Amino acid sequence: MEMEEKIVLGLLETFHSILLLQSSTNAIEFAETLISSYWFSFSYGCLSLFNGDGMKYRIYLLLSSRMDSLLGNDSGKSIRDAALHLPSDPEDLLVFAWAKEY
């Protein structure tokens, strides 16, 4: 694993740790800030640059935690369950999502 990937993973792990504080109003505000910012572009850009399983799992785990924080009721569980089987390439993920829609 390259140093750049370790740095990005550390940043994502920090975001994830903050989101796991679900009972905190600050965690919910932080999740809303991540949603409203360029988090999707950043995270899926990381998937394109670092396509290892560690990066993929961390990004999908963070996404599932954000869903739990914002929507409640364990709404991110399906993402967590499927994380290792979802594609690393964001474009493949979009194709997969589009195909499931029809």
N, C-alpha and C. Protein backbone atom coordinates (compact mmCIF):
# COMPACT_ATOMS: atom_id res chain seq x y z
N MET A 1 0.85 -1.17 0.00
CA MET A 1 0.00 0.00 0.00
C MET A 1 0.90 1.24 0.00
N GLU A 2 0.57 2.16 -0.87
CA GLU A 2 1.37 3.39 -0.98
C GLU A 2 1.02 4.36 0.14
N MET A 3 1.95 5.28 0.38
CA MET A 3 1.76 6.27 1.44
C MET A 3 0.51 7.11 1.20
N GLU A 4 0.25 7.51 -0.06
CA GLU A 4 -0.92 8.34 -0.35
C GLU A 4 -2.21 7.60 0.01
N GLU A 5 -2.24 6.32 -0.30
CA GLU A 5 -3.43 5.54 0.01
C GLU A 5 -3.62 5.42 1.52
N LYS A 6 -2.55 5.26 2.26
CA LYS A 6 -2.63 5.19 3.72
C LYS A 6 -3.16 6.49 4.31
N ILE A 7 -2.74 7.60 3.75
CA ILE A 7 -3.21 8.91 4.23
C ILE A 7 -4.70 9.07 3.98
N VAL A 8 -5.14 8.72 2.78
CA VAL A 8 -6.56 8.83 2.44
C VAL A 8 -7.38 7.89 3.30
N LEU A 9 -6.92 6.65 3.49
CA LEU A 9 -7.63 5.71 4.35
C LEU A 9 -7.73 6.24 5.78
N GLY A 10 -6.66 6.85 6.28
CA GLY A 10 -6.70 7.44 7.62
C GLY A 10 -7.72 8.54 7.73
N LEU A 11 -7.81 9.38 6.71
CA LEU A 11 -8.81 10.46 6.68
C LEU A 11 -10.22 9.88 6.67
N LEU A 12 -10.45 8.87 5.83
CA LEU A 12 -11.77 8.24 5.76
C LEU A 12 -12.12 7.55 7.06
N GLU A 13 -11.14 6.92 7.71
CA GLU A 13 -11.39 6.27 9.00
C GLU A 13 -11.76 7.30 10.07
N THR A 14 -11.15 8.47 10.00
CA THR A 14 -11.49 9.54 10.94
C THR A 14 -12.92 10.00 10.72
N PHE A 15 -13.31 10.21 9.45
CA PHE A 15 -14.69 10.57 9.14
C PHE A 15 -15.64 9.51 9.69
N HIS A 16 -15.29 8.25 9.46
CA HIS A 16 -16.15 7.15 9.89
C HIS A 16 -16.30 7.13 11.41
N SER A 17 -15.22 7.34 12.12
CA SER A 17 -15.27 7.35 13.59
C SER A 17 -16.20 8.44 14.10
N ILE A 18 -16.17 9.59 13.47
CA ILE A 18 -17.05 10.69 13.87
C ILE A 18 -18.51 10.31 13.62
N LEU A 19 -18.77 9.67 12.48
CA LEU A 19 -20.15 9.30 12.16
C LEU A 19 -20.70 8.22 13.09
N LEU A 20 -19.82 7.41 13.66
CA LEU A 20 -20.29 6.35 14.55
C LEU A 20 -20.82 6.90 15.87
N LEU A 21 -20.62 8.17 16.12
CA LEU A 21 -21.17 8.83 17.31
C LEU A 21 -22.60 9.26 17.00
N GLN A 22 -23.44 8.31 16.61
CA GLN A 22 -24.78 8.60 16.09
C GLN A 22 -25.66 9.37 17.05
N SER A 23 -25.48 9.20 18.32
CA SER A 23 -26.36 9.88 19.27
C SER A 23 -26.04 11.37 19.37
N SER A 24 -24.92 11.74 18.84
CA SER A 24 -24.50 13.14 18.94
C SER A 24 -25.10 13.97 17.82
N THR A 25 -25.61 15.13 18.18
CA THR A 25 -26.12 16.07 17.17
C THR A 25 -25.00 16.49 16.24
N ASN A 26 -23.79 16.61 16.77
CA ASN A 26 -22.65 16.99 15.93
C ASN A 26 -22.37 15.95 14.86
N ALA A 27 -22.57 14.66 15.16
CA ALA A 27 -22.35 13.61 14.17
C ALA A 27 -23.36 13.74 13.03
N ILE A 28 -24.60 14.05 13.37
CA ILE A 28 -25.62 14.22 12.33
C ILE A 28 -25.31 15.44 11.48
N GLU A 29 -24.90 16.53 12.12
CA GLU A 29 -24.52 17.72 11.37
C GLU A 29 -23.32 17.43 10.48
N PHE A 30 -22.36 16.67 10.99
CA PHE A 30 -21.19 16.30 10.21
C PHE A 30 -21.60 15.46 9.00
N ALA A 31 -22.51 14.51 9.20
CA ALA A 31 -23.00 13.68 8.09
C ALA A 31 -23.69 14.53 7.04
N GLU A 32 -24.49 15.49 7.48
CA GLU A 32 -25.17 16.38 6.54
C GLU A 32 -24.16 17.24 5.78
N THR A 33 -23.11 17.67 6.45
CA THR A 33 -22.06 18.45 5.79
C THR A 33 -21.35 17.60 4.74
N LEU A 34 -21.05 16.36 5.08
CA LEU A 34 -20.40 15.47 4.11
C LEU A 34 -21.29 15.25 2.90
N ILE A 35 -22.58 15.07 3.14
CA ILE A 35 -23.52 14.85 2.03
C ILE A 35 -23.57 16.08 1.14
N SER A 36 -23.59 17.26 1.75
CA SER A 36 -23.76 18.48 0.96
C SER A 36 -22.46 18.95 0.32
N SER A 37 -21.35 18.40 0.72
CA SER A 37 -20.08 18.83 0.13
C SER A 37 -19.71 17.92 -1.03
N TYR A 38 -18.47 17.94 -1.38
CA TYR A 38 -17.99 17.16 -2.50
C TYR A 38 -17.49 15.79 -2.06
N TRP A 39 -18.10 15.24 -1.03
CA TRP A 39 -17.64 13.96 -0.51
C TRP A 39 -17.76 12.86 -1.54
N PHE A 40 -18.86 12.84 -2.28
CA PHE A 40 -19.04 11.79 -3.28
C PHE A 40 -17.94 11.85 -4.33
N SER A 41 -17.65 13.03 -4.81
CA SER A 41 -16.58 13.18 -5.80
C SER A 41 -15.25 12.74 -5.23
N PHE A 42 -14.96 13.14 -4.01
CA PHE A 42 -13.71 12.76 -3.36
C PHE A 42 -13.60 11.26 -3.18
N SER A 43 -14.65 10.66 -2.61
CA SER A 43 -14.58 9.23 -2.30
C SER A 43 -14.53 8.37 -3.56
N TYR A 44 -15.34 8.71 -4.54
CA TYR A 44 -15.31 7.90 -5.76
C TYR A 44 -14.06 8.17 -6.58
N GLY A 45 -13.49 9.35 -6.42
CA GLY A 45 -12.18 9.61 -7.02
C GLY A 45 -11.12 8.74 -6.37
N CYS A 46 -11.23 8.55 -5.06
CA CYS A 46 -10.30 7.66 -4.35
C CYS A 46 -10.46 6.23 -4.83
N LEU A 47 -11.70 5.81 -5.09
CA LEU A 47 -11.92 4.46 -5.61
C LEU A 47 -11.22 4.28 -6.96
N SER A 48 -11.25 5.32 -7.76
CA SER A 48 -10.59 5.25 -9.07
C SER A 48 -9.07 5.21 -8.93
N LEU A 49 -8.54 5.98 -8.00
CA LEU A 49 -7.08 6.04 -7.82
C LEU A 49 -6.52 4.84 -7.08
N PHE A 50 -7.22 4.42 -6.04
CA PHE A 50 -6.75 3.32 -5.20
C PHE A 50 -7.83 2.24 -5.21
N ASN A 51 -7.70 1.29 -6.08
CA ASN A 51 -8.78 0.32 -6.27
C ASN A 51 -8.63 -0.95 -5.45
N GLY A 52 -7.93 -0.88 -4.33
CA GLY A 52 -7.80 -2.05 -3.47
C GLY A 52 -9.06 -2.30 -2.65
N ASP A 53 -9.16 -3.50 -2.11
CA ASP A 53 -10.33 -3.85 -1.31
C ASP A 53 -10.45 -3.01 -0.05
N GLY A 54 -9.32 -2.62 0.54
CA GLY A 54 -9.36 -1.80 1.76
C GLY A 54 -10.02 -0.46 1.52
N MET A 55 -9.67 0.19 0.42
CA MET A 55 -10.26 1.49 0.08
C MET A 55 -11.74 1.32 -0.24
N LYS A 56 -12.05 0.33 -1.04
CA LYS A 56 -13.44 0.10 -1.43
C LYS A 56 -14.30 -0.15 -0.19
N TYR A 57 -13.84 -1.02 0.70
CA TYR A 57 -14.61 -1.34 1.88
C TYR A 57 -14.77 -0.12 2.77
N ARG A 58 -13.73 0.67 2.96
CA ARG A 58 -13.80 1.85 3.82
C ARG A 58 -14.80 2.86 3.27
N ILE A 59 -14.80 3.09 1.97
CA ILE A 59 -15.70 4.08 1.38
C ILE A 59 -17.16 3.61 1.50
N TYR A 60 -17.41 2.35 1.21
CA TYR A 60 -18.79 1.86 1.32
C TYR A 60 -19.23 1.78 2.79
N LEU A 61 -18.32 1.48 3.69
CA LEU A 61 -18.64 1.46 5.11
C LEU A 61 -19.00 2.87 5.58
N LEU A 62 -18.25 3.85 5.14
CA LEU A 62 -18.53 5.24 5.48
C LEU A 62 -19.88 5.66 4.90
N LEU A 63 -20.14 5.28 3.67
CA LEU A 63 -21.43 5.61 3.04
C LEU A 63 -22.58 4.98 3.83
N SER A 64 -22.42 3.73 4.25
CA SER A 64 -23.49 3.08 5.00
C SER A 64 -23.70 3.75 6.36
N SER A 65 -22.63 4.19 6.99
CA SER A 65 -22.76 4.89 8.28
C SER A 65 -23.45 6.24 8.10
N ARG A 66 -23.17 6.91 6.99
CA ARG A 66 -23.85 8.18 6.71
C ARG A 66 -25.34 7.95 6.54
N MET A 67 -25.69 6.86 5.85
CA MET A 67 -27.10 6.55 5.66
C MET A 67 -27.77 6.28 7.02
N ASP A 68 -27.07 5.54 7.89
CA ASP A 68 -27.60 5.27 9.23
C ASP A 68 -27.79 6.57 10.01
N SER A 69 -26.81 7.47 9.94
CA SER A 69 -26.89 8.73 10.68
C SER A 69 -28.02 9.61 10.18
N LEU A 70 -28.21 9.65 8.89
CA LEU A 70 -29.20 10.56 8.32
C LEU A 70 -30.61 9.98 8.30
N LEU A 71 -30.73 8.68 8.00
CA LEU A 71 -32.04 8.08 7.82
C LEU A 71 -32.46 7.18 8.99
N GLY A 72 -31.50 6.75 9.80
CA GLY A 72 -31.80 5.89 10.93
C GLY A 72 -32.23 4.50 10.53
N ASN A 73 -32.73 3.75 11.50
CA ASN A 73 -33.29 2.41 11.27
C ASN A 73 -32.36 1.46 10.53
N ASP A 74 -31.07 1.56 10.78
CA ASP A 74 -30.09 0.66 10.16
C ASP A 74 -30.20 0.68 8.63
N SER A 75 -30.48 1.85 8.08
CA SER A 75 -30.71 1.98 6.64
C SER A 75 -29.48 1.70 5.79
N GLY A 76 -28.29 1.73 6.37
CA GLY A 76 -27.08 1.45 5.61
C GLY A 76 -26.67 0.00 5.62
N LYS A 77 -27.47 -0.86 6.25
CA LYS A 77 -27.11 -2.27 6.39
C LYS A 77 -26.91 -2.97 5.05
N SER A 78 -27.75 -2.70 4.08
CA SER A 78 -27.62 -3.38 2.78
C SER A 78 -26.31 -2.99 2.09
N ILE A 79 -25.87 -1.76 2.29
CA ILE A 79 -24.59 -1.33 1.72
C ILE A 79 -23.44 -2.07 2.41
N ARG A 80 -23.50 -2.16 3.74
CA ARG A 80 -22.47 -2.89 4.49
C ARG A 80 -22.42 -4.35 4.07
N ASP A 81 -23.60 -4.96 3.91
CA ASP A 81 -23.66 -6.37 3.55
C ASP A 81 -23.08 -6.64 2.16
N ALA A 82 -23.25 -5.68 1.26
CA ALA A 82 -22.81 -5.88 -0.12
C ALA A 82 -21.47 -5.25 -0.45
N ALA A 83 -20.87 -4.55 0.50
CA ALA A 83 -19.68 -3.73 0.23
C ALA A 83 -18.57 -4.48 -0.49
N LEU A 84 -18.26 -5.67 -0.08
CA LEU A 84 -17.16 -6.40 -0.70
C LEU A 84 -17.50 -6.89 -2.11
N HIS A 85 -18.77 -6.86 -2.45
CA HIS A 85 -19.20 -7.35 -3.76
C HIS A 85 -19.49 -6.22 -4.74
N LEU A 86 -19.50 -5.00 -4.25
CA LEU A 86 -19.76 -3.85 -5.12
C LEU A 86 -18.50 -3.51 -5.90
N PRO A 87 -18.66 -2.96 -7.09
CA PRO A 87 -17.48 -2.64 -7.92
C PRO A 87 -16.64 -1.50 -7.34
N SER A 88 -15.36 -1.57 -7.61
CA SER A 88 -14.44 -0.52 -7.17
C SER A 88 -14.50 0.70 -8.07
N ASP A 89 -14.82 0.49 -9.31
CA ASP A 89 -14.86 1.58 -10.28
C ASP A 89 -16.21 2.29 -10.19
N PRO A 90 -16.21 3.60 -9.92
CA PRO A 90 -17.48 4.33 -9.80
C PRO A 90 -18.37 4.23 -11.03
N GLU A 91 -17.77 4.17 -12.21
CA GLU A 91 -18.58 4.04 -13.42
C GLU A 91 -19.27 2.68 -13.48
N ASP A 92 -18.56 1.64 -13.05
CA ASP A 92 -19.19 0.31 -12.99
C ASP A 92 -20.33 0.29 -11.99
N LEU A 93 -20.15 1.02 -10.89
CA LEU A 93 -21.21 1.11 -9.88
C LEU A 93 -22.45 1.78 -10.46
N LEU A 94 -22.25 2.83 -11.23
CA LEU A 94 -23.39 3.51 -11.86
C LEU A 94 -24.09 2.60 -12.85
N VAL A 95 -23.32 1.85 -13.63
CA VAL A 95 -23.91 0.90 -14.58
C VAL A 95 -24.70 -0.16 -13.82
N PHE A 96 -24.13 -0.66 -12.72
CA PHE A 96 -24.79 -1.65 -11.89
C PHE A 96 -26.10 -1.09 -11.33
N ALA A 97 -26.06 0.11 -10.80
CA ALA A 97 -27.25 0.74 -10.24
C ALA A 97 -28.31 0.98 -11.31
N TRP A 98 -27.87 1.40 -12.48
CA TRP A 98 -28.80 1.64 -13.59
C TRP A 98 -29.47 0.33 -14.00
N ALA A 99 -28.69 -0.74 -14.09
CA ALA A 99 -29.24 -2.04 -14.50
C ALA A 99 -30.26 -2.57 -13.49
N LYS A 100 -30.01 -2.33 -12.20
CA LYS A 100 -30.93 -2.78 -11.17
C LYS A 100 -32.25 -2.01 -11.20
N GLU A 101 -32.20 -0.82 -11.77
CA GLU A 101 -33.39 0.02 -11.82
C GLU A 101 -34.40 -0.51 -12.83
N TYR A 102 -33.91 -1.22 -13.82
CA TYR A 102 -34.81 -1.70 -14.89
C TYR A 102 -34.95 -3.19 -14.90
